[in-house]
């Protein structure tokens, strides 16, 4: 009876539209309080207050915490003048939750699991601590990350839509700027020449078009020194270098990261799925500001690594009859990487530790995705005959 119900559930969840709808219902029901909360959360207060500055004819970048491009704060001004600020906040929160659903669904699709397991994995991703961190602070990382990941996944099949999604995301919040630069440069140097990589090169045009209305504000944005402070919760590579006594300009860090990734993958033509895994890691390391919620960009990579681990563990047990030492080390390494990433939502607990220790601990969640990427791309897949026997 149980097996029959499981089989029927698998058939139901094998329908993508059904699985996505059930996931959306679950996420919106669980996070209903996020939508209903009438109080502006931390990041929401920042851009709403910056909007008030702009409405008074002042620069929104006079707000010490506002670092985003102009479109968001211009939207805040338009809402304030029209009397629909509350509606704007609710709409953006709903879009943010939709982004959570999209990322979770894409992440689950990166692992070779049956429909039930994929659904549960997607739900776990949607309810993970780093997603909770984004919602608690009113941050739009899930929305922007979802747009960027969709753009990376659709680059070959829907090039125009891909360019628009990535360009709009960067104009709204430049979370995926480094990822977009890596995508474009890789397609020119190592990517397949057919179809032509115009989508990978067209997203800056979409970004530029969306920045035109606020062009007068761009000099003030570019003049900001962000991050101009040493924040103990901050997880970026630039912050770590500064904390160790090597203050490198964030732009130099970004150029070095993108250039290094381009050199590393110069002979490997990454397909769309591999680009979904690799580009977010490049983007993460290139960012001048990284928080726990920024790591939602790597959720597909995390589940892909768990899926690869499951395949290799099953193949090892099939061939040797027991888990060998290497398999055990892989389990420990992947588990520690995931713990570092999701534990970053509680980064404040290290505030009283010595600065060098804080820097080391804060680097763990930032570098963990790079380790998972190496594992996914370099660890061998199970031999076909073994995989087939395991499935039988």
Protein backbone atom coordinates (compact mmCIF):
# COMPACT_ATOMS: atom_id res chain seq x y z
CA UNK A 1 0.00 0.00 0.00
CA UNK A 2 2.76 2.41 0.95
CA UNK A 3 4.68 1.57 -2.23
CA UNK A 4 1.55 2.20 -4.30
CA UNK A 5 0.96 5.59 -2.71
CA UNK A 6 4.63 6.49 -3.20
CA UNK A 7 4.44 5.54 -6.87
CA UNK A 8 1.30 7.65 -7.35
CA UNK A 9 2.92 10.58 -5.56
CA UNK A 10 5.98 10.26 -7.80
CA UNK A 11 3.77 10.31 -10.90
CA UNK A 12 1.98 13.39 -9.61
CA UNK A 13 5.16 15.26 -8.72
CA UNK A 14 6.76 14.24 -12.03
CA UNK A 15 4.48 16.86 -13.58
CA UNK A 16 6.56 19.99 -13.27
CA UNK A 17 3.60 22.35 -13.12
CA UNK A 18 2.02 20.37 -10.28
CA UNK A 19 5.26 20.14 -8.29
CA UNK A 20 5.95 23.85 -8.77
CA UNK A 21 2.41 24.80 -7.72
CA UNK A 22 2.60 22.65 -4.58
CA UNK A 23 6.00 24.12 -3.72
CA UNK A 24 4.67 27.66 -4.19
CA UNK A 25 1.64 26.98 -2.00
CA UNK A 26 3.87 25.54 0.73
CA UNK A 27 6.37 28.43 0.63
CA UNK A 28 3.75 31.19 0.57
CA UNK A 29 1.79 29.49 3.38
CA UNK A 30 4.84 29.04 5.60
CA UNK A 31 6.09 32.57 4.95
CA UNK A 32 2.69 34.27 5.12
CA UNK A 33 3.90 36.35 8.05
CA UNK A 34 6.59 37.86 5.83
CA UNK A 35 3.92 39.11 3.42
CA UNK A 36 1.55 40.34 6.13
CA UNK A 37 4.12 42.17 8.30
CA UNK A 38 3.31 45.87 8.15
CA UNK A 39 6.66 46.94 9.57
CA UNK A 40 9.43 47.73 7.09
CA UNK A 41 12.37 45.40 7.59
CA UNK A 42 16.04 46.48 7.72
CA UNK A 43 16.88 46.64 4.01
CA UNK A 44 13.40 47.89 3.15
CA UNK A 45 13.88 50.81 5.53
CA UNK A 46 17.19 51.61 3.83
CA UNK A 47 15.79 52.02 0.32
CA UNK A 48 12.61 53.69 1.53
CA UNK A 49 14.65 56.24 3.51
CA UNK A 50 16.93 56.75 0.50
CA UNK A 51 13.79 57.37 -1.53
CA UNK A 52 12.76 60.08 0.92
CA UNK A 53 16.11 61.78 0.36
CA UNK A 54 15.60 61.69 -3.41
CA UNK A 55 12.04 63.02 -3.07
CA UNK A 56 13.50 66.04 -1.21
CA UNK A 57 15.92 66.68 -4.05
CA UNK A 58 18.91 65.15 -2.26
CA UNK A 59 21.11 62.30 -3.40
CA UNK A 60 19.89 58.90 -2.18
CA UNK A 61 23.55 58.02 -1.78
CA UNK A 62 23.66 60.43 1.11
CA UNK A 63 22.22 57.50 3.04
CA UNK A 64 25.26 55.65 4.32
CA UNK A 65 23.75 52.20 3.74
CA UNK A 66 22.17 52.63 0.31
CA UNK A 67 24.45 51.08 -2.31
CA UNK A 68 22.02 49.87 -4.98
CA UNK A 69 21.59 51.36 -8.48
CA UNK A 70 18.93 54.10 -8.97
CA UNK A 71 15.90 52.08 -10.23
CA UNK A 72 14.88 50.77 -6.79
CA UNK A 73 15.00 54.15 -5.09
CA UNK A 74 13.23 55.80 -8.06
CA UNK A 75 10.48 53.22 -7.68
CA UNK A 76 10.23 54.14 -4.00
CA UNK A 77 9.80 57.83 -4.90
CA UNK A 78 7.09 57.05 -7.45
CA UNK A 79 5.24 54.92 -4.89
CA UNK A 80 5.47 57.61 -2.20
CA UNK A 81 4.09 60.26 -4.56
CA UNK A 82 1.28 57.96 -5.69
CA UNK A 83 0.40 56.76 -2.20
CA UNK A 84 1.09 53.09 -2.89
CA UNK A 85 4.24 52.49 -0.88
CA UNK A 86 2.62 49.71 1.17
CA UNK A 87 1.41 48.01 -2.02
CA UNK A 88 4.92 48.26 -3.50
CA UNK A 89 6.49 46.62 -0.45
CA UNK A 90 3.96 43.76 -0.51
CA UNK A 91 4.40 43.26 -4.26
CA UNK A 92 8.17 43.12 -3.96
CA UNK A 93 7.91 40.68 -1.05
CA UNK A 94 5.62 38.45 -3.12
CA UNK A 95 8.07 38.61 -6.02
CA UNK A 96 10.86 37.77 -3.60
CA UNK A 97 8.99 34.66 -2.41
CA UNK A 98 8.38 33.71 -6.04
CA UNK A 99 12.14 33.98 -6.47
CA UNK A 100 12.63 31.60 -3.55
CA UNK A 101 10.29 29.09 -5.22
CA UNK A 102 12.10 29.42 -8.55
CA UNK A 103 15.57 28.99 -7.05
CA UNK A 104 14.47 26.00 -4.97
CA UNK A 105 12.87 24.31 -7.97
CA UNK A 106 15.92 24.92 -10.15
CA UNK A 107 18.21 23.71 -7.38
CA UNK A 108 16.28 20.45 -6.98
CA UNK A 109 16.41 19.86 -10.74
CA UNK A 110 20.22 19.79 -10.51
CA UNK A 111 20.21 16.52 -8.58
CA UNK A 112 19.45 13.05 -10.04
CA UNK A 113 16.64 12.16 -7.64
CA UNK A 114 13.10 10.82 -8.03
CA UNK A 115 10.24 13.37 -7.96
CA UNK A 116 9.42 12.94 -4.24
CA UNK A 117 13.01 13.48 -3.19
CA UNK A 118 13.36 16.48 -5.48
CA UNK A 119 10.25 18.06 -4.03
CA UNK A 120 11.46 17.59 -0.46
CA UNK A 121 14.89 18.93 -1.41
CA UNK A 122 13.30 21.98 -3.03
CA UNK A 123 11.23 22.60 0.09
CA UNK A 124 14.32 22.24 2.29
CA UNK A 125 16.19 24.74 0.08
CA UNK A 126 13.29 27.20 0.24
CA UNK A 127 13.24 26.98 4.04
CA UNK A 128 17.02 27.05 4.52
CA UNK A 129 18.68 29.46 6.99
CA UNK A 130 20.20 31.62 4.24
CA UNK A 131 16.76 32.14 2.67
CA UNK A 132 15.35 32.90 6.11
CA UNK A 133 18.15 35.44 6.57
CA UNK A 134 17.10 37.23 3.37
CA UNK A 135 13.44 37.39 4.39
CA UNK A 136 14.22 38.46 7.95
CA UNK A 137 16.20 41.46 6.69
CA UNK A 138 13.82 42.30 3.85
CA UNK A 139 16.55 41.68 1.30
CA UNK A 140 15.80 40.94 -2.35
CA UNK A 141 18.67 38.54 -3.01
CA UNK A 142 16.27 35.64 -3.78
CA UNK A 143 14.45 37.66 -6.43
CA UNK A 144 17.62 38.90 -8.13
CA UNK A 145 19.37 35.52 -7.84
CA UNK A 146 16.35 33.80 -9.38
CA UNK A 147 16.43 36.17 -12.36
CA UNK A 148 20.17 35.62 -12.83
CA UNK A 149 19.96 31.83 -12.51
CA UNK A 150 17.07 31.72 -14.97
CA UNK A 151 19.12 33.84 -17.36
CA UNK A 152 22.07 31.45 -17.09
CA UNK A 153 19.83 28.43 -17.62
CA UNK A 154 17.98 29.96 -20.60
CA UNK A 155 20.99 31.54 -22.30
CA UNK A 156 21.00 29.09 -25.24
CA UNK A 157 17.29 28.33 -25.51
CA UNK A 158 15.81 31.80 -24.93
CA UNK A 159 18.65 34.27 -25.58
CA UNK A 160 16.52 37.42 -25.61
CA UNK A 161 14.73 36.54 -22.39
CA UNK A 162 18.06 35.56 -20.84
CA UNK A 163 19.62 38.94 -21.67
CA UNK A 164 16.61 40.83 -20.31
CA UNK A 165 16.51 38.86 -17.05
CA UNK A 166 20.21 39.23 -16.34
CA UNK A 167 20.29 42.88 -17.40
CA UNK A 168 17.26 43.80 -15.31
CA UNK A 169 18.64 41.95 -12.29
CA UNK A 170 21.95 43.78 -12.43
CA UNK A 171 20.16 47.14 -12.82
CA UNK A 172 18.00 46.39 -9.77
CA UNK A 173 20.75 44.97 -7.57
CA UNK A 174 24.20 44.04 -9.00
CA UNK A 175 24.36 40.68 -7.23
CA UNK A 176 25.13 38.89 -10.50
CA UNK A 177 27.45 41.48 -12.05
CA UNK A 178 30.56 39.31 -11.72
CA UNK A 179 28.61 36.28 -12.94
CA UNK A 180 27.45 38.21 -16.01
CA UNK A 181 30.96 39.41 -16.79
CA UNK A 182 32.26 35.86 -16.50
CA UNK A 183 29.47 34.57 -18.74
CA UNK A 184 30.22 37.12 -21.45
CA UNK A 185 34.01 36.75 -21.34
CA UNK A 186 33.87 32.95 -21.21
CA UNK A 187 31.56 32.76 -24.21
CA UNK A 188 33.99 34.93 -26.18
CA UNK A 189 37.08 32.95 -25.17
CA UNK A 190 36.03 29.37 -24.55
CA UNK A 191 32.32 29.07 -25.22
CA UNK A 192 30.71 27.40 -28.23
CA UNK A 193 30.57 29.67 -31.26
CA UNK A 194 27.22 28.37 -32.48
CA UNK A 195 24.72 29.64 -31.70
CA UNK A 196 26.44 33.02 -31.53
CA UNK A 197 26.88 34.17 -27.91
CA UNK A 198 24.92 37.39 -28.40
CA UNK A 199 22.69 36.83 -25.37
CA UNK A 200 25.71 36.63 -23.10
CA UNK A 201 26.92 39.95 -24.53
CA UNK A 202 23.52 41.70 -24.76
CA UNK A 203 22.64 41.88 -21.07
CA UNK A 204 24.77 45.03 -20.46
CA UNK A 205 22.57 46.82 -23.02
CA UNK A 206 19.48 45.90 -21.01
CA UNK A 207 21.15 47.12 -17.83
CA UNK A 208 22.21 50.40 -19.47
CA UNK A 209 18.69 51.02 -20.80
CA UNK A 210 17.19 50.60 -17.34
CA UNK A 211 19.79 52.94 -15.83
CA UNK A 212 19.13 55.77 -18.30
CA UNK A 213 16.26 57.39 -16.30
CA UNK A 214 18.52 57.68 -13.25
CA UNK A 215 21.71 58.51 -15.15
CA UNK A 216 22.18 61.74 -13.18
CA UNK A 217 22.52 59.68 -10.00
CA UNK A 218 25.16 57.30 -11.33
CA UNK A 219 28.23 59.49 -10.55
CA UNK A 220 27.22 59.62 -6.87
CA UNK A 221 26.73 55.85 -6.84
CA UNK A 222 30.09 55.19 -8.47
CA UNK A 223 31.82 57.61 -6.09
CA UNK A 224 30.79 55.58 -3.07
CA UNK A 225 33.43 53.59 -1.27
CA UNK A 226 31.45 50.44 -0.58
CA UNK A 227 32.11 48.82 1.71
CA UNK A 228 33.89 51.74 3.35
CA UNK A 229 33.71 50.12 6.76
CA UNK A 230 34.98 46.93 8.35
CA UNK A 231 31.83 45.03 9.30
CA UNK A 232 32.24 41.94 11.45
CA UNK A 233 29.28 40.26 9.76
CA UNK A 234 30.67 40.86 6.30
CA UNK A 235 31.73 37.78 4.33
CA UNK A 236 33.38 39.03 1.14
CA UNK A 237 36.87 38.32 -0.14
CA UNK A 238 37.63 42.07 -0.16
CA UNK A 239 36.59 42.35 3.49
CA UNK A 240 38.78 39.39 4.43
CA UNK A 241 41.83 40.91 2.75
CA UNK A 242 41.20 44.23 4.48
CA UNK A 243 40.80 42.46 7.81
CA UNK A 244 44.18 40.80 7.33
CA UNK A 245 45.86 44.14 6.65
CA UNK A 246 45.75 44.04 2.84
CA UNK A 247 43.16 46.60 1.77
CA UNK A 248 42.66 45.87 -1.94
CA UNK A 249 40.15 47.99 -3.90
CA UNK A 250 36.95 45.96 -4.45
CA UNK A 251 37.15 46.60 -8.19
CA UNK A 252 40.63 45.06 -8.29
CA UNK A 253 39.38 42.00 -6.42
CA UNK A 254 36.50 41.63 -8.88
CA UNK A 255 38.78 41.93 -11.92
CA UNK A 256 41.21 39.39 -10.46
CA UNK A 257 38.42 36.92 -9.66
CA UNK A 258 36.73 37.14 -13.05
CA UNK A 259 40.08 37.05 -14.85
CA UNK A 260 41.27 34.08 -12.80
CA UNK A 261 38.04 32.17 -13.46
CA UNK A 262 38.28 32.93 -17.17
CA UNK A 263 41.84 31.58 -17.26
CA UNK A 264 40.85 28.51 -15.25
CA UNK A 265 38.00 27.63 -17.63
CA UNK A 266 39.72 28.81 -20.81
CA UNK A 267 39.79 25.30 -22.28
CA UNK A 268 36.45 24.12 -20.94
CA UNK A 269 33.32 25.13 -22.85
CA UNK A 270 30.80 25.31 -20.02
CA UNK A 271 27.28 24.34 -21.05
CA UNK A 272 24.20 26.05 -19.57
CA UNK A 273 23.97 23.63 -16.62
CA UNK A 274 27.65 24.00 -15.76
CA UNK A 275 27.34 27.77 -16.14
CA UNK A 276 24.45 27.74 -13.62
CA UNK A 277 26.87 26.12 -11.17
CA UNK A 278 30.05 28.07 -11.97
CA UNK A 279 28.96 31.65 -12.66
CA UNK A 280 27.35 32.22 -9.22
CA UNK A 281 30.61 31.20 -7.52
CA UNK A 282 32.56 33.68 -9.64
CA UNK A 283 29.97 36.36 -8.92
CA UNK A 284 30.06 35.65 -5.20
CA UNK A 285 33.85 35.92 -4.94
CA UNK A 286 33.83 39.12 -7.03
CA UNK A 287 31.28 40.97 -4.90
CA UNK A 288 32.50 43.76 -2.60
CA UNK A 289 29.73 43.01 -0.09
CA UNK A 290 28.59 39.49 0.80
CA UNK A 291 26.03 38.50 3.42
CA UNK A 292 24.51 35.14 4.35
CA UNK A 293 21.53 35.82 2.09
CA UNK A 294 23.85 36.44 -0.87
CA UNK A 295 24.64 32.72 -0.76
CA UNK A 296 21.14 31.81 -2.01
CA UNK A 297 22.76 32.30 -5.43
CA UNK A 298 24.57 29.00 -4.88
CA UNK A 299 21.60 26.82 -3.86
CA UNK A 300 21.57 24.93 -7.22
CA UNK A 301 25.29 24.20 -6.77
CA UNK A 302 24.70 22.94 -3.24
CA UNK A 303 22.05 20.41 -4.29
CA UNK A 304 24.10 19.43 -7.35
CA UNK A 305 27.00 18.62 -5.00
CA UNK A 306 24.73 16.56 -2.74
CA UNK A 307 23.41 14.74 -5.80
CA UNK A 308 26.92 14.00 -7.03
CA UNK A 309 27.87 12.79 -3.57
CA UNK A 310 24.91 10.41 -3.54
CA UNK A 311 25.86 8.99 -6.94
CA UNK A 312 29.48 8.44 -5.96
CA UNK A 313 28.59 6.95 -2.57
CA UNK A 314 26.14 4.51 -4.16
CA UNK A 315 28.69 3.52 -6.82
CA UNK A 316 31.39 3.01 -4.19
CA UNK A 317 29.18 0.75 -2.10
CA UNK A 318 28.12 -1.20 -5.18
CA UNK A 319 31.68 -1.86 -6.30
CA UNK A 320 33.34 -2.42 -2.92
CA UNK A 321 30.42 -3.58 -0.80
CA UNK A 322 31.20 -0.85 1.76
CA UNK A 323 32.01 2.82 1.93
CA UNK A 324 35.76 3.40 1.49
CA UNK A 325 37.86 6.08 3.18
CA UNK A 326 37.67 8.42 0.21
CA UNK A 327 33.89 8.19 0.16
CA UNK A 328 33.73 8.97 3.86
CA UNK A 329 35.97 12.00 3.38
CA UNK A 330 33.74 13.26 0.56
CA UNK A 331 30.68 13.01 2.81
CA UNK A 332 32.45 14.93 5.58
CA UNK A 333 33.76 17.60 3.19
CA UNK A 334 30.40 18.25 1.53
CA UNK A 335 28.62 18.29 4.90
CA UNK A 336 31.13 20.80 6.31
CA UNK A 337 30.79 23.03 3.24
CA UNK A 338 27.00 23.08 3.58
CA UNK A 339 27.28 23.71 7.32
CA UNK A 340 29.60 26.67 6.70
CA UNK A 341 27.24 28.16 4.11
CA UNK A 342 24.05 27.84 6.14
CA UNK A 343 25.76 28.57 9.44
CA UNK A 344 26.75 31.97 8.05
CA UNK A 345 23.24 33.18 8.92
CA UNK A 346 24.49 33.26 12.53
CA UNK A 347 27.79 35.02 11.75
CA UNK A 348 27.25 37.52 14.57
CA UNK A 349 28.24 34.94 17.18
CA UNK A 350 31.91 35.43 16.30
CA UNK A 351 31.91 39.16 17.00
CA UNK A 352 33.89 38.82 20.21
CA UNK A 353 36.64 36.66 18.70
CA UNK A 354 40.04 38.06 17.62
CA UNK A 355 39.93 39.74 14.21
CA UNK A 356 42.17 37.20 12.39
CA UNK A 357 39.95 34.37 13.66
CA UNK A 358 36.84 36.24 12.56
CA UNK A 359 38.29 36.71 9.09
CA UNK A 360 39.13 33.02 8.82
CA UNK A 361 35.70 31.89 10.00
CA UNK A 362 33.89 34.40 7.79
CA UNK A 363 35.83 33.18 4.74
CA UNK A 364 34.61 29.63 5.16
CA UNK A 365 31.08 30.22 3.77
CA UNK A 366 32.48 32.39 0.97
CA UNK A 367 35.02 29.81 -0.17
CA UNK A 368 32.81 26.75 0.47
CA UNK A 369 30.89 27.16 -2.82
CA UNK A 370 34.19 27.16 -4.72
CA UNK A 371 35.01 23.84 -3.10
CA UNK A 372 31.59 22.43 -4.00
CA UNK A 373 32.05 23.63 -7.59
CA UNK A 374 35.38 21.86 -7.86
CA UNK A 375 33.77 18.72 -6.48
CA UNK A 376 30.91 18.84 -9.01
CA UNK A 377 33.16 19.50 -12.01
CA UNK A 378 36.17 17.36 -11.14
CA UNK A 379 34.79 14.37 -9.21
CA UNK A 380 34.21 11.48 -11.58
CA UNK A 381 30.70 10.25 -12.27
CA UNK A 382 29.75 6.66 -11.50
CA UNK A 383 30.52 4.22 -14.27
CA UNK A 384 27.46 3.67 -16.50
CA UNK A 385 27.17 -0.04 -15.71
CA UNK A 386 27.39 0.62 -11.98
CA UNK A 387 24.83 3.40 -12.13
CA UNK A 388 22.54 1.16 -14.11
CA UNK A 389 22.89 -1.72 -11.67
CA UNK A 390 22.19 0.61 -8.75
CA UNK A 391 19.03 1.87 -10.40
CA UNK A 392 17.84 -1.68 -11.03
